[in-house]
Protein backbone atom coordinates (compact mmCIF):
# COMPACT_ATOMS: atom_id res chain seq x y z
CA MET A 1 -137.07 -48.21 -0.98
CA LEU A 2 -139.01 -49.37 1.99
CA SER A 3 -142.13 -47.62 1.06
CA ARG A 4 -143.14 -50.16 -1.64
CA ILE A 5 -143.03 -52.92 0.78
CA LYS A 6 -146.20 -54.62 2.05
CA ILE A 7 -146.26 -55.73 5.59
CA THR A 8 -148.77 -58.25 6.92
CA ASP A 9 -150.64 -57.96 10.29
CA ASN A 10 -148.69 -60.92 11.59
CA GLU A 11 -145.38 -59.22 10.59
CA MET A 12 -146.66 -55.86 12.28
CA ARG A 13 -147.31 -57.69 15.50
CA TYR A 14 -143.85 -59.08 15.50
CA MET A 15 -142.39 -55.61 14.62
CA ALA A 16 -144.36 -54.03 17.50
CA LEU A 17 -143.39 -56.67 20.04
CA PHE A 18 -139.73 -56.54 19.05
CA GLU A 19 -139.68 -52.76 19.09
CA ASN A 20 -141.18 -52.75 22.64
CA MET A 21 -138.71 -55.16 23.88
CA THR A 22 -135.65 -53.60 22.43
CA GLY A 23 -136.26 -50.03 22.12
CA ALA A 24 -134.92 -50.10 18.51
CA THR A 25 -136.63 -48.70 15.45
CA ILE A 26 -137.85 -51.67 13.45
CA LEU A 27 -138.14 -50.73 9.61
CA ASP A 28 -139.32 -54.01 8.27
CA CYS A 29 -140.07 -57.64 9.29
CA VAL A 30 -140.21 -60.85 7.34
CA VAL A 31 -141.51 -64.07 8.73
CA ASP A 32 -140.70 -67.29 7.22
CA GLU A 33 -142.87 -69.86 8.91
CA GLY A 34 -141.34 -72.72 6.93
CA GLU A 35 -137.86 -72.08 8.46
CA GLY A 36 -139.28 -70.78 11.85
CA LEU A 37 -137.38 -67.62 11.18
CA ILE A 38 -138.12 -63.91 11.70
CA ILE A 39 -135.95 -61.38 9.99
CA PHE A 40 -135.97 -57.73 11.30
CA ALA A 41 -134.47 -54.63 9.60
CA VAL A 42 -133.47 -51.93 12.09
CA LYS A 43 -132.76 -48.38 11.69
CA ARG A 44 -129.06 -47.65 10.99
CA GLY A 45 -127.01 -47.20 14.28
CA GLU A 46 -129.62 -49.17 16.34
CA ILE A 47 -128.42 -52.86 15.85
CA GLY A 48 -126.62 -52.89 19.14
CA LEU A 49 -129.81 -51.77 20.82
CA ALA A 50 -131.87 -54.37 19.04
CA ILE A 51 -129.43 -57.25 19.92
CA GLY A 52 -128.67 -56.20 23.56
CA ARG A 53 -125.67 -56.98 25.69
CA LYS A 54 -124.40 -60.49 24.87
CA GLY A 55 -127.45 -60.90 22.73
CA GLU A 56 -129.75 -60.85 25.74
CA LYS A 57 -132.75 -59.15 23.82
CA ILE A 58 -132.52 -61.62 21.02
CA LYS A 59 -132.43 -64.61 23.38
CA ARG A 60 -135.60 -63.21 25.18
CA PHE A 61 -137.36 -62.65 21.92
CA LYS A 62 -136.61 -66.20 20.71
CA LYS A 63 -137.72 -67.72 23.95
CA LEU A 64 -140.98 -65.74 23.91
CA THR A 65 -141.73 -66.51 20.23
CA ASN A 66 -140.11 -69.85 19.74
CA LYS A 67 -138.55 -68.65 16.33
CA GLN A 68 -135.00 -68.11 15.19
CA ILE A 69 -134.19 -64.34 14.70
CA GLU A 70 -131.83 -62.52 12.35
CA VAL A 71 -131.44 -58.77 12.68
CA PHE A 72 -129.93 -56.60 9.99
CA GLU A 73 -129.19 -52.96 9.95
CA TYR A 74 -130.93 -51.15 7.14
CA TYR A 75 -129.00 -48.91 4.63
CA ASN A 76 -130.32 -47.08 1.60
CA SER A 77 -127.38 -48.18 -0.41
CA PRO A 78 -127.35 -51.86 -1.54
CA ILE A 79 -123.47 -51.90 -1.41
CA LYS A 80 -123.50 -50.82 2.25
CA PHE A 81 -126.29 -53.03 3.14
CA ILE A 82 -124.83 -56.03 1.59
CA ARG A 83 -121.37 -55.26 3.26
CA LYS A 84 -122.86 -55.00 6.69
CA ALA A 85 -125.25 -58.00 6.26
CA LEU A 86 -122.28 -60.33 5.32
CA ARG A 87 -120.30 -59.40 8.47
CA PRO A 88 -118.16 -60.84 9.84
CA ALA A 89 -116.94 -62.07 6.32
CA ARG A 90 -114.25 -59.79 4.98
CA ILE A 91 -115.55 -58.19 1.59
CA ARG A 92 -112.91 -57.26 -0.95
CA GLU A 93 -115.19 -55.62 -3.37
CA ILE A 94 -118.98 -55.32 -4.29
CA LYS A 95 -119.98 -54.38 -7.90
CA LEU A 96 -123.52 -53.71 -9.09
CA VAL A 97 -123.93 -54.91 -12.66
CA ASP A 98 -126.68 -54.53 -15.12
CA ARG A 99 -127.74 -57.89 -16.65
CA VAL A 100 -128.61 -58.51 -20.23
CA ASP A 101 -132.34 -59.22 -19.29
CA GLY A 102 -132.48 -55.63 -17.81
CA GLY A 103 -132.27 -56.71 -14.07
CA ARG A 104 -129.37 -55.80 -11.86
CA ALA A 105 -127.16 -58.10 -9.64
CA ALA A 106 -124.44 -57.74 -7.13
CA ILE A 107 -121.20 -59.43 -7.49
CA VAL A 108 -119.44 -59.77 -4.12
CA SER A 109 -115.76 -60.73 -3.83
CA VAL A 110 -114.83 -62.02 -0.35
CA GLU A 111 -111.61 -63.24 1.22
CA PRO A 112 -111.20 -66.93 0.20
CA LYS A 113 -111.16 -68.03 3.89
CA ASP A 114 -114.48 -66.13 4.57
CA LYS A 115 -116.45 -67.68 1.65
CA GLY A 116 -118.15 -70.20 4.01
CA ILE A 117 -119.11 -67.53 6.33
CA ALA A 118 -120.69 -65.39 3.70
CA ILE A 119 -122.59 -68.32 2.24
CA GLY A 120 -123.52 -69.81 5.55
CA LYS A 121 -124.49 -73.27 6.63
CA ASN A 122 -126.75 -74.93 3.84
CA GLY A 123 -126.47 -71.44 1.96
CA ARG A 124 -128.74 -69.90 4.74
CA ASN A 125 -126.91 -66.57 4.70
CA ILE A 126 -126.78 -66.03 1.07
CA LYS A 127 -130.57 -67.00 0.75
CA MET A 128 -131.45 -64.32 3.12
CA ILE A 129 -129.07 -61.71 1.61
CA ARG A 130 -130.48 -62.46 -1.88
CA PHE A 131 -134.08 -62.17 -0.48
CA LEU A 132 -133.48 -58.79 1.16
CA ALA A 133 -131.55 -57.41 -1.77
CA LYS A 134 -134.42 -58.21 -4.07
CA ARG A 135 -136.86 -56.82 -1.42
CA TYR A 136 -135.09 -53.57 -0.87
CA PHE A 137 -133.10 -52.84 -3.99
CA ASN A 138 -134.71 -54.95 -6.75
CA LEU A 139 -131.50 -56.88 -7.36
CA GLU A 140 -132.02 -60.11 -9.15
CA ASN A 141 -129.14 -61.91 -7.71
CA VAL A 142 -126.24 -61.63 -5.20
CA VAL A 143 -123.32 -63.74 -6.33
CA ILE A 144 -120.37 -64.50 -3.80
CA THR A 145 -116.93 -64.93 -5.54
């Protein structure tokens, strides 16, 4: 899934810097200049290495780049990826459905108390999950219920 993704020179520089600072294997990077945000996808099992004790590596990278950072663990399975990306929200179920227009979507059922966590402030979390689900798995939408 990652093989079809195009990475810009700017994203490559951020990937190299973050990889050197953390020791984690960085698989993808998305820079959103409008939001002042950099999103990294790290190799499965290396999320702790990327974040560091008490978030020290993230804090150091933020200070150096003056950007907000989000780090996700990459999984080949869209269901596993979405489940991990929505943590700490408690997921009841994730269904992949075929849409009438030929696209695919993910329907995510979360505990009612955790719906706000899954969506995030001003919808920030769900926007990121939707973007990454489209980028990695060609899912047209991710719906939280």
